[in-house]
Amino acid sequence: MTIKNKKYSLRKTFIGLSSFQLLAMFRRGLFYTYLSIYLRDFLHLSVTETTLYATLPMIMSVIFQNFVWGPLSDKFQKRRTFIISGEVLAGIGTILVWFIHSIFSNLIIAGYVIIFGLMCIEAFWSMSNISWSALISDVYPSLERSKVMGQLTSVGGFGRIIGISIGGILYNSGFGFRDGPLFIVA
């Protein structure tokens, strides 16, 4: 491969990774920024119960990244497949969590449906997270990796700002979660 073709290929890969990072952080900003307010103020969960939405799903993410998806990603070397599969399954899971939680008239139960649903979502979303990191290691030489990671983090920051801004509009005093727009857009 010529140097010109290699640079084009790396640029194309960077654009793909940037779009992934932008959308992933957009979704996190849109959804997670307002979820604690929804759980606490709209569904009336206690402060301790509200913090479970962040704690338990992250524990699932760490477990699945280290013991399931990381080893499988290394074994099969299908990074892009794992990234796309993780994102698609997390997207479907997010819509299912909204639908199931909206069935319950008991707000506390609805809150716990979200918490346990997010645990399942993070188990699959972690597939894309670990594969994304591995793909960067596969594609970029170690001397360029830190620079690329910094650039991707900056792109993600813009995505998060956009997500938070749109999430503020869609929140609608909690009905953006209850009626679905925040779940569906995320």
N, C-alpha and C. Protein backbone atom coordinates (compact mmCIF):
# COMPACT_ATOMS: atom_id res chain seq x y z
N MET A 1 0.86 -1.18 0.00
CA MET A 1 0.00 0.00 0.00
C MET A 1 0.90 1.24 0.00
N THR A 2 0.63 2.17 -0.87
CA THR A 2 1.43 3.37 -0.95
C THR A 2 1.12 4.27 0.24
N ILE A 3 2.02 5.21 0.49
CA ILE A 3 1.84 6.15 1.61
C ILE A 3 0.57 6.97 1.42
N LYS A 4 0.31 7.39 0.17
CA LYS A 4 -0.88 8.19 -0.11
C LYS A 4 -2.16 7.39 0.20
N ASN A 5 -2.20 6.12 -0.23
CA ASN A 5 -3.36 5.28 0.03
C ASN A 5 -3.52 4.99 1.52
N LYS A 6 -2.40 4.80 2.22
CA LYS A 6 -2.46 4.53 3.65
C LYS A 6 -3.01 5.74 4.40
N LYS A 7 -2.57 6.95 4.02
CA LYS A 7 -3.09 8.17 4.66
C LYS A 7 -4.58 8.33 4.39
N TYR A 8 -5.00 8.03 3.16
CA TYR A 8 -6.43 8.11 2.82
C TYR A 8 -7.22 7.11 3.66
N SER A 9 -6.68 5.91 3.79
CA SER A 9 -7.36 4.87 4.57
C SER A 9 -7.46 5.27 6.04
N LEU A 10 -6.39 5.82 6.60
CA LEU A 10 -6.42 6.27 8.00
C LEU A 10 -7.39 7.44 8.17
N ARG A 11 -7.44 8.34 7.20
CA ARG A 11 -8.37 9.48 7.27
C ARG A 11 -9.81 8.97 7.22
N LYS A 12 -10.06 8.03 6.32
CA LYS A 12 -11.40 7.45 6.20
C LYS A 12 -11.79 6.73 7.50
N THR A 13 -10.86 6.00 8.08
CA THR A 13 -11.11 5.32 9.36
C THR A 13 -11.38 6.34 10.45
N PHE A 14 -10.60 7.43 10.47
CA PHE A 14 -10.80 8.46 11.49
C PHE A 14 -12.19 9.09 11.35
N ILE A 15 -12.63 9.34 10.14
CA ILE A 15 -13.97 9.92 9.92
C ILE A 15 -15.03 8.96 10.45
N GLY A 16 -14.87 7.67 10.17
CA GLY A 16 -15.82 6.68 10.68
C GLY A 16 -15.83 6.63 12.20
N LEU A 17 -14.65 6.61 12.80
CA LEU A 17 -14.55 6.60 14.26
C LEU A 17 -15.10 7.89 14.87
N SER A 18 -14.85 9.01 14.19
CA SER A 18 -15.36 10.30 14.68
C SER A 18 -16.88 10.32 14.68
N SER A 19 -17.48 9.81 13.61
CA SER A 19 -18.94 9.80 13.56
C SER A 19 -19.51 8.89 14.64
N PHE A 20 -18.85 7.77 14.89
CA PHE A 20 -19.28 6.88 15.97
C PHE A 20 -19.18 7.58 17.31
N GLN A 21 -18.04 8.22 17.56
CA GLN A 21 -17.82 8.90 18.84
C GLN A 21 -18.81 10.05 19.03
N LEU A 22 -19.05 10.81 17.97
CA LEU A 22 -20.00 11.92 18.03
C LEU A 22 -21.39 11.41 18.41
N LEU A 23 -21.84 10.36 17.75
CA LEU A 23 -23.18 9.82 18.01
C LEU A 23 -23.27 9.15 19.38
N ALA A 24 -22.23 8.43 19.78
CA ALA A 24 -22.25 7.77 21.09
C ALA A 24 -22.33 8.79 22.21
N MET A 25 -21.53 9.84 22.12
CA MET A 25 -21.54 10.85 23.18
C MET A 25 -22.78 11.73 23.09
N PHE A 26 -23.32 11.92 21.89
CA PHE A 26 -24.59 12.62 21.74
C PHE A 26 -25.67 11.87 22.52
N ARG A 27 -25.71 10.55 22.31
CA ARG A 27 -26.71 9.73 22.99
C ARG A 27 -26.53 9.77 24.50
N ARG A 28 -25.30 9.68 24.95
CA ARG A 28 -25.06 9.73 26.40
C ARG A 28 -25.47 11.09 26.98
N GLY A 29 -25.13 12.16 26.29
CA GLY A 29 -25.51 13.50 26.76
C GLY A 29 -27.01 13.70 26.76
N LEU A 30 -27.65 13.25 25.71
CA LEU A 30 -29.10 13.38 25.56
C LEU A 30 -29.83 12.60 26.64
N PHE A 31 -29.40 11.40 26.89
CA PHE A 31 -30.15 10.47 27.73
C PHE A 31 -29.74 10.54 29.19
N TYR A 32 -28.47 10.29 29.47
CA TYR A 32 -28.04 10.12 30.85
C TYR A 32 -28.04 11.42 31.64
N THR A 33 -27.86 12.55 31.00
CA THR A 33 -27.84 13.83 31.71
C THR A 33 -29.15 14.08 32.44
N TYR A 34 -30.25 13.72 31.82
CA TYR A 34 -31.57 14.02 32.39
C TYR A 34 -32.22 12.83 33.08
N LEU A 35 -31.62 11.65 32.95
CA LEU A 35 -32.24 10.46 33.52
C LEU A 35 -32.32 10.52 35.04
N SER A 36 -31.28 11.02 35.69
CA SER A 36 -31.32 11.09 37.16
C SER A 36 -32.44 12.02 37.63
N ILE A 37 -32.66 13.11 36.90
CA ILE A 37 -33.75 14.03 37.26
C ILE A 37 -35.09 13.32 37.09
N TYR A 38 -35.24 12.59 36.01
CA TYR A 38 -36.48 11.86 35.75
C TYR A 38 -36.74 10.82 36.84
N LEU A 39 -35.72 10.03 37.17
CA LEU A 39 -35.90 9.00 38.19
C LEU A 39 -36.23 9.60 39.55
N ARG A 40 -35.58 10.69 39.89
CA ARG A 40 -35.76 11.29 41.21
C ARG A 40 -37.04 12.11 41.28
N ASP A 41 -37.24 13.03 40.36
CA ASP A 41 -38.35 13.98 40.46
C ASP A 41 -39.65 13.48 39.85
N PHE A 42 -39.58 12.68 38.81
CA PHE A 42 -40.81 12.25 38.13
C PHE A 42 -41.28 10.89 38.66
N LEU A 43 -40.33 9.95 38.83
CA LEU A 43 -40.69 8.61 39.30
C LEU A 43 -40.57 8.47 40.82
N HIS A 44 -40.05 9.48 41.48
CA HIS A 44 -39.98 9.56 42.95
C HIS A 44 -39.12 8.47 43.58
N LEU A 45 -38.04 8.07 42.92
CA LEU A 45 -37.10 7.16 43.54
C LEU A 45 -36.28 7.94 44.56
N SER A 46 -35.77 7.24 45.57
CA SER A 46 -34.92 7.89 46.57
C SER A 46 -33.59 8.26 45.91
N VAL A 47 -32.78 9.04 46.61
CA VAL A 47 -31.47 9.41 46.08
C VAL A 47 -30.63 8.15 45.86
N THR A 48 -30.66 7.24 46.83
CA THR A 48 -29.90 6.00 46.70
C THR A 48 -30.38 5.18 45.51
N GLU A 49 -31.69 5.05 45.37
CA GLU A 49 -32.24 4.30 44.23
C GLU A 49 -31.86 4.97 42.91
N THR A 50 -31.88 6.28 42.90
CA THR A 50 -31.53 7.01 41.68
C THR A 50 -30.09 6.75 41.26
N THR A 51 -29.19 6.66 42.22
CA THR A 51 -27.78 6.42 41.87
C THR A 51 -27.54 5.02 41.33
N LEU A 52 -28.47 4.11 41.57
CA LEU A 52 -28.32 2.75 41.04
C LEU A 52 -28.30 2.73 39.52
N TYR A 53 -28.97 3.70 38.87
CA TYR A 53 -29.01 3.70 37.40
C TYR A 53 -27.63 3.90 36.80
N ALA A 54 -26.74 4.54 37.53
CA ALA A 54 -25.38 4.73 37.02
C ALA A 54 -24.45 3.61 37.49
N THR A 55 -24.65 3.16 38.72
CA THR A 55 -23.73 2.18 39.31
C THR A 55 -23.89 0.78 38.72
N LEU A 56 -25.08 0.25 38.76
CA LEU A 56 -25.29 -1.15 38.33
C LEU A 56 -25.00 -1.36 36.85
N PRO A 57 -25.46 -0.49 35.95
CA PRO A 57 -25.11 -0.69 34.54
C PRO A 57 -23.61 -0.60 34.27
N MET A 58 -22.89 0.27 34.99
CA MET A 58 -21.45 0.37 34.78
C MET A 58 -20.73 -0.88 35.27
N ILE A 59 -21.23 -1.48 36.35
CA ILE A 59 -20.65 -2.75 36.80
C ILE A 59 -20.84 -3.81 35.73
N MET A 60 -22.03 -3.87 35.14
CA MET A 60 -22.28 -4.82 34.05
C MET A 60 -21.34 -4.55 32.87
N SER A 61 -21.15 -3.29 32.55
CA SER A 61 -20.27 -2.92 31.44
C SER A 61 -18.85 -3.43 31.67
N VAL A 62 -18.33 -3.20 32.86
CA VAL A 62 -16.97 -3.64 33.18
C VAL A 62 -16.86 -5.16 33.12
N ILE A 63 -17.83 -5.85 33.70
CA ILE A 63 -17.81 -7.32 33.70
C ILE A 63 -17.84 -7.85 32.27
N PHE A 64 -18.75 -7.33 31.46
CA PHE A 64 -18.88 -7.85 30.10
C PHE A 64 -17.71 -7.44 29.21
N GLN A 65 -17.15 -6.25 29.40
CA GLN A 65 -15.98 -5.86 28.61
C GLN A 65 -14.80 -6.77 28.91
N ASN A 66 -14.57 -7.04 30.20
CA ASN A 66 -13.39 -7.80 30.60
C ASN A 66 -13.52 -9.31 30.40
N PHE A 67 -14.71 -9.84 30.59
CA PHE A 67 -14.85 -11.30 30.60
C PHE A 67 -15.61 -11.88 29.41
N VAL A 68 -16.29 -11.05 28.64
CA VAL A 68 -17.05 -11.57 27.50
C VAL A 68 -16.57 -10.95 26.20
N TRP A 69 -16.82 -9.66 26.01
CA TRP A 69 -16.58 -9.04 24.71
C TRP A 69 -15.11 -8.85 24.40
N GLY A 70 -14.30 -8.48 25.37
CA GLY A 70 -12.87 -8.32 25.13
C GLY A 70 -12.24 -9.60 24.60
N PRO A 71 -12.41 -10.72 25.33
CA PRO A 71 -11.85 -11.98 24.83
C PRO A 71 -12.44 -12.41 23.47
N LEU A 72 -13.75 -12.22 23.28
CA LEU A 72 -14.36 -12.60 22.00
C LEU A 72 -13.86 -11.71 20.86
N SER A 73 -13.71 -10.42 21.14
CA SER A 73 -13.20 -9.49 20.13
C SER A 73 -11.77 -9.87 19.73
N ASP A 74 -10.96 -10.23 20.72
CA ASP A 74 -9.58 -10.64 20.42
C ASP A 74 -9.55 -11.97 19.67
N LYS A 75 -10.43 -12.88 20.04
CA LYS A 75 -10.44 -14.20 19.40
C LYS A 75 -10.87 -14.12 17.94
N PHE A 76 -11.94 -13.38 17.65
CA PHE A 76 -12.49 -13.36 16.30
C PHE A 76 -11.99 -12.20 15.45
N GLN A 77 -11.42 -11.16 16.07
CA GLN A 77 -10.87 -10.01 15.35
C GLN A 77 -11.90 -9.34 14.43
N LYS A 78 -13.14 -9.32 14.84
CA LYS A 78 -14.23 -8.70 14.07
C LYS A 78 -14.67 -7.42 14.78
N ARG A 79 -13.77 -6.48 14.90
CA ARG A 79 -14.03 -5.26 15.68
C ARG A 79 -15.25 -4.51 15.17
N ARG A 80 -15.29 -4.26 13.88
CA ARG A 80 -16.41 -3.47 13.32
C ARG A 80 -17.75 -4.17 13.52
N THR A 81 -17.76 -5.48 13.36
CA THR A 81 -18.99 -6.25 13.58
C THR A 81 -19.45 -6.11 15.02
N PHE A 82 -18.51 -6.19 15.95
CA PHE A 82 -18.86 -6.04 17.37
C PHE A 82 -19.35 -4.63 17.67
N ILE A 83 -18.73 -3.63 17.06
CA ILE A 83 -19.16 -2.24 17.28
C ILE A 83 -20.59 -2.05 16.79
N ILE A 84 -20.85 -2.46 15.56
CA ILE A 84 -22.19 -2.28 14.99
C ILE A 84 -23.22 -3.10 15.76
N SER A 85 -22.89 -4.35 16.07
CA SER A 85 -23.83 -5.19 16.82
C SER A 85 -24.15 -4.60 18.18
N GLY A 86 -23.13 -4.13 18.88
CA GLY A 86 -23.35 -3.53 20.20
C GLY A 86 -24.24 -2.31 20.14
N GLU A 87 -24.02 -1.47 19.15
CA GLU A 87 -24.84 -0.26 19.01
C GLU A 87 -26.28 -0.59 18.64
N VAL A 88 -26.46 -1.52 17.72
CA VAL A 88 -27.82 -1.90 17.29
C VAL A 88 -28.58 -2.54 18.45
N LEU A 89 -27.95 -3.48 19.14
CA LEU A 89 -28.62 -4.14 20.27
C LEU A 89 -28.94 -3.16 21.39
N ALA A 90 -28.03 -2.22 21.66
CA ALA A 90 -28.29 -1.21 22.69
C ALA A 90 -29.44 -0.30 22.26
N GLY A 91 -29.50 0.04 20.99
CA GLY A 91 -30.60 0.87 20.50
C GLY A 91 -31.95 0.18 20.63
N ILE A 92 -32.00 -1.08 20.23
CA ILE A 92 -33.24 -1.85 20.38
C ILE A 92 -33.60 -1.98 21.85
N GLY A 93 -32.60 -2.25 22.68
CA GLY A 93 -32.84 -2.38 24.12
C GLY A 93 -33.38 -1.11 24.74
N THR A 94 -32.88 0.03 24.29
CA THR A 94 -33.35 1.32 24.83
C THR A 94 -34.83 1.52 24.54
N ILE A 95 -35.25 1.20 23.34
CA ILE A 95 -36.67 1.34 22.99
C ILE A 95 -37.51 0.35 23.79
N LEU A 96 -37.01 -0.88 23.98
CA LEU A 96 -37.74 -1.86 24.79
C LEU A 96 -37.87 -1.40 26.24
N VAL A 97 -36.82 -0.82 26.79
CA VAL A 97 -36.88 -0.32 28.17
C VAL A 97 -37.95 0.75 28.29
N TRP A 98 -37.98 1.67 27.32
CA TRP A 98 -39.02 2.71 27.36
C TRP A 98 -40.41 2.06 27.34
N PHE A 99 -40.61 1.15 26.40
CA PHE A 99 -41.93 0.54 26.25
C PHE A 99 -42.34 -0.20 27.53
N ILE A 100 -41.45 -1.02 28.06
CA ILE A 100 -41.79 -1.81 29.25
C ILE A 100 -42.02 -0.90 30.45
N HIS A 101 -41.18 0.12 30.63
CA HIS A 101 -41.35 0.98 31.81
C HIS A 101 -42.64 1.78 31.72
N SER A 102 -43.07 2.10 30.50
CA SER A 102 -44.29 2.91 30.34
C SER A 102 -45.56 2.11 30.61
N ILE A 103 -45.47 0.80 30.66
CA ILE A 103 -46.62 -0.05 30.95
C ILE A 103 -47.05 0.08 32.42
N PHE A 104 -46.08 0.29 33.30
CA PHE A 104 -46.35 0.27 34.74
C PHE A 104 -46.91 1.60 35.23
N SER A 105 -47.99 1.52 35.98
CA SER A 105 -48.54 2.73 36.60
C SER A 105 -47.85 3.01 37.93
N ASN A 106 -47.26 1.99 38.54
CA ASN A 106 -46.49 2.18 39.76
C ASN A 106 -45.14 2.78 39.37
N LEU A 107 -44.90 4.02 39.76
CA LEU A 107 -43.71 4.75 39.31
C LEU A 107 -42.41 4.13 39.82
N ILE A 108 -42.43 3.59 41.03
CA ILE A 108 -41.21 2.96 41.58
C ILE A 108 -40.83 1.74 40.73
N ILE A 109 -41.80 0.93 40.40
CA ILE A 109 -41.53 -0.24 39.55
C ILE A 109 -41.02 0.22 38.18
N ALA A 110 -41.63 1.26 37.63
CA ALA A 110 -41.17 1.79 36.34
C ALA A 110 -39.71 2.23 36.44
N GLY A 111 -39.33 2.83 37.56
CA GLY A 111 -37.94 3.24 37.76
C GLY A 111 -36.99 2.06 37.80
N TYR A 112 -37.40 1.01 38.50
CA TYR A 112 -36.55 -0.18 38.56
C TYR A 112 -36.48 -0.90 37.21
N VAL A 113 -37.53 -0.83 36.43
CA VAL A 113 -37.47 -1.38 35.07
C VAL A 113 -36.38 -0.67 34.27
N ILE A 114 -36.30 0.65 34.43
CA ILE A 114 -35.25 1.40 33.73
C ILE A 114 -33.87 0.97 34.23
N ILE A 115 -33.70 0.89 35.54
CA ILE A 115 -32.40 0.54 36.11
C ILE A 115 -31.95 -0.84 35.62
N PHE A 116 -32.82 -1.84 35.75
CA PHE A 116 -32.43 -3.19 35.34
C PHE A 116 -32.36 -3.32 33.82
N GLY A 117 -33.18 -2.56 33.11
CA GLY A 117 -33.08 -2.53 31.66
C GLY A 117 -31.75 -1.96 31.19
N LEU A 118 -31.30 -0.90 31.87
CA LEU A 118 -30.00 -0.31 31.52
C LEU A 118 -28.85 -1.26 31.80
N MET A 119 -29.02 -2.12 32.80
CA MET A 119 -28.00 -3.13 33.05
C MET A 119 -27.85 -4.05 31.83
N CYS A 120 -28.97 -4.47 31.27
CA CYS A 120 -28.94 -5.33 30.08
C CYS A 120 -28.37 -4.57 28.88
N ILE A 121 -28.80 -3.32 28.73
CA ILE A 121 -28.31 -2.50 27.61
C ILE A 121 -26.80 -2.33 27.69
N GLU A 122 -26.29 -2.02 28.87
CA GLU A 122 -24.84 -1.81 29.03
C GLU A 122 -24.06 -3.08 28.76
N ALA A 123 -24.65 -4.24 29.06
CA ALA A 123 -23.96 -5.50 28.76
C ALA A 123 -23.69 -5.59 27.26
N PHE A 124 -24.64 -5.13 26.44
CA PHE A 124 -24.44 -5.18 24.98
C PHE A 124 -23.68 -3.96 24.47
N TRP A 125 -23.94 -2.80 25.07
CA TRP A 125 -23.25 -1.60 24.63
C TRP A 125 -21.75 -1.72 24.88
N SER A 126 -21.38 -2.46 25.93
CA SER A 126 -19.96 -2.63 26.23
C SER A 126 -19.25 -3.40 25.12
N MET A 127 -20.00 -4.17 24.34
CA MET A 127 -19.42 -4.87 23.19
C MET A 127 -18.83 -3.85 22.22
N SER A 128 -19.57 -2.79 21.98
CA SER A 128 -19.10 -1.77 21.05
C SER A 128 -17.96 -0.96 21.67
N ASN A 129 -18.04 -0.67 22.97
CA ASN A 129 -17.01 0.14 23.63
C ASN A 129 -15.64 -0.52 23.57
N ILE A 130 -15.56 -1.78 23.96
CA ILE A 130 -14.27 -2.46 24.00
C ILE A 130 -13.73 -2.69 22.59
N SER A 131 -14.62 -2.96 21.65
CA SER A 131 -14.18 -3.20 20.27
C SER A 131 -13.70 -1.91 19.62
N TRP A 132 -14.32 -0.79 19.99
CA TRP A 132 -13.90 0.52 19.48
C TRP A 132 -12.47 0.81 19.92
N SER A 133 -12.18 0.57 21.20
CA SER A 133 -10.82 0.80 21.71
C SER A 133 -9.82 -0.14 21.04
N ALA A 134 -10.21 -1.39 20.87
CA ALA A 134 -9.32 -2.36 20.22
C ALA A 134 -9.07 -1.99 18.76
N LEU A 135 -10.10 -1.49 18.08
CA LEU A 135 -9.95 -1.09 16.68
C LEU A 135 -8.93 0.04 16.55
N ILE A 136 -8.98 0.99 17.45
CA ILE A 136 -8.01 2.09 17.43
C ILE A 136 -6.60 1.54 17.60
N SER A 137 -6.43 0.59 18.51
CA SER A 137 -5.12 -0.03 18.71
C SER A 137 -4.67 -0.81 17.48
N ASP A 138 -5.62 -1.43 16.81
CA ASP A 138 -5.29 -2.20 15.60
C ASP A 138 -4.87 -1.30 14.44
N VAL A 139 -5.54 -0.16 14.30
CA VAL A 139 -5.38 0.68 13.11
C VAL A 139 -4.23 1.67 13.24
N TYR A 140 -4.08 2.29 14.39
CA TYR A 140 -3.12 3.38 14.53
C TYR A 140 -1.86 2.92 15.25
N PRO A 141 -0.70 3.34 14.73
CA PRO A 141 0.56 3.03 15.41
C PRO A 141 0.60 3.70 16.78
N SER A 142 1.34 3.12 17.69
CA SER A 142 1.35 3.60 19.08
C SER A 142 1.75 5.08 19.19
N LEU A 143 2.60 5.58 18.30
CA LEU A 143 3.00 6.98 18.37
C LEU A 143 1.86 7.94 18.02
N GLU A 144 0.92 7.50 17.19
CA GLU A 144 -0.20 8.36 16.79
C GLU A 144 -1.44 8.16 17.66
N ARG A 145 -1.49 7.07 18.40
CA ARG A 145 -2.70 6.68 19.12
C ARG A 145 -3.19 7.73 20.10
N SER A 146 -2.30 8.32 20.88
CA SER A 146 -2.70 9.33 21.87
C SER A 146 -3.30 10.55 21.20
N LYS A 147 -2.69 10.97 20.11
CA LYS A 147 -3.20 12.13 19.37
C LYS A 147 -4.60 11.84 18.83
N VAL A 148 -4.77 10.67 18.24
CA VAL A 148 -6.07 10.28 17.68
C VAL A 148 -7.12 10.18 18.79
N MET A 149 -6.75 9.58 19.91
CA MET A 149 -7.69 9.46 21.04
C MET A 149 -8.11 10.84 21.54
N GLY A 150 -7.16 11.78 21.60
CA GLY A 150 -7.49 13.15 22.01
C GLY A 150 -8.44 13.82 21.04
N GLN A 151 -8.18 13.63 19.76
CA GLN A 151 -9.07 14.21 18.74
C GLN A 151 -10.47 13.60 18.82
N LEU A 152 -10.54 12.30 19.00
CA LEU A 152 -11.84 11.63 19.10
C LEU A 152 -12.59 12.05 20.37
N THR A 153 -11.86 12.25 21.44
CA THR A 153 -12.49 12.72 22.68
C THR A 153 -13.07 14.12 22.49
N SER A 154 -12.36 14.97 21.76
CA SER A 154 -12.88 16.31 21.46
C SER A 154 -14.14 16.25 20.62
N VAL A 155 -14.14 15.40 19.61
CA VAL A 155 -15.33 15.22 18.77
C VAL A 155 -16.49 14.73 19.64
N GLY A 156 -16.20 13.78 20.52
CA GLY A 156 -17.22 13.27 21.43
C GLY A 156 -17.77 14.35 22.35
N GLY A 157 -16.90 15.26 22.78
CA GLY A 157 -17.35 16.37 23.62
C GLY A 157 -18.37 17.25 22.92
N PHE A 158 -18.14 17.50 21.64
CA PHE A 158 -19.12 18.27 20.87
C PHE A 158 -20.44 17.51 20.76
N GLY A 159 -20.35 16.22 20.54
CA GLY A 159 -21.56 15.40 20.47
C GLY A 159 -22.34 15.44 21.77
N ARG A 160 -21.62 15.41 22.88
CA ARG A 160 -22.28 15.45 24.19
C ARG A 160 -22.97 16.79 24.41
N ILE A 161 -22.32 17.89 24.04
CA ILE A 161 -22.93 19.22 24.18
C ILE A 161 -24.21 19.30 23.36
N ILE A 162 -24.17 18.79 22.14
CA ILE A 162 -25.37 18.80 21.29
C ILE A 162 -26.47 17.94 21.93
N GLY A 163 -26.09 16.77 22.44
CA GLY A 163 -27.05 15.88 23.08
C GLY A 163 -27.70 16.50 24.30
N ILE A 164 -26.91 17.16 25.13
CA ILE A 164 -27.44 17.82 26.32
C ILE A 164 -28.40 18.93 25.92
N SER A 165 -28.03 19.68 24.90
CA SER A 165 -28.89 20.78 24.44
C SER A 165 -30.24 20.27 23.92
N ILE A 166 -30.20 19.25 23.09
CA ILE A 166 -31.44 18.69 22.56
C ILE A 166 -32.22 17.98 23.67
N GLY A 167 -31.52 17.30 24.56
CA GLY A 167 -32.17 16.63 25.68
C GLY A 167 -32.93 17.60 26.56
N GLY A 168 -32.38 18.79 26.75
CA GLY A 168 -33.07 19.81 27.55
C GLY A 168 -34.40 20.22 26.93
N ILE A 169 -34.43 20.26 25.62
CA ILE A 169 -35.67 20.59 24.92
C ILE A 169 -36.66 19.43 25.02
N LEU A 170 -36.18 18.20 24.83
CA LEU A 170 -37.05 17.03 24.81
C LEU A 170 -37.50 16.59 26.21
N TYR A 171 -36.78 17.00 27.27
CA TYR A 171 -37.09 16.51 28.62
C TYR A 171 -38.55 16.79 29.00
N ASN A 172 -39.03 17.99 28.74
CA ASN A 172 -40.44 18.33 28.91
C ASN A 172 -40.99 17.92 30.28
N SER A 173 -40.32 18.35 31.34
CA SER A 173 -40.74 18.07 32.72
C SER A 173 -40.90 16.58 32.99
N GLY A 174 -40.13 15.74 32.35
CA GLY A 174 -40.18 14.30 32.57
C GLY A 174 -40.95 13.54 31.53
N PHE A 175 -41.84 14.21 30.82
CA PHE A 175 -42.65 13.51 29.83
C PHE A 175 -41.84 13.11 28.60
N GLY A 176 -40.69 13.71 28.40
CA GLY A 176 -39.81 13.29 27.32
C GLY A 176 -39.31 11.87 27.52
N PHE A 177 -39.19 11.46 28.79
CA PHE A 177 -38.87 10.07 29.08
C PHE A 177 -40.13 9.22 29.09
N ARG A 178 -41.13 9.67 29.83
CA ARG A 178 -42.36 8.87 30.00
C ARG A 178 -43.05 8.59 28.66
N ASP A 179 -43.11 9.58 27.79
CA ASP A 179 -43.81 9.42 26.52
C ASP A 179 -42.91 8.89 25.39
N GLY A 180 -41.61 8.84 25.63
CA GLY A 180 -40.72 8.17 24.70
C GLY A 180 -39.72 8.95 23.88
N PRO A 181 -39.89 10.25 23.61
CA PRO A 181 -38.95 10.91 22.71
C PRO A 181 -37.47 10.77 23.11
N LEU A 182 -37.16 10.88 24.38
CA LEU A 182 -35.75 10.76 24.78
C LEU A 182 -35.23 9.34 24.60
N PHE A 183 -36.06 8.35 24.85
CA PHE A 183 -35.64 6.96 24.63
C PHE A 183 -35.46 6.69 23.14
N ILE A 184 -36.38 7.17 22.34
CA ILE A 184 -36.35 6.87 20.91
C ILE A 184 -35.20 7.59 20.21
N VAL A 185 -34.98 8.85 20.52
CA VAL A 185 -33.87 9.59 19.91
C VAL A 185 -32.54 9.02 20.36
N ALA A 186 -32.45 8.62 21.64
CA ALA A 186 -31.20 8.03 22.15
C ALA A 186 -30.94 6.70 21.48
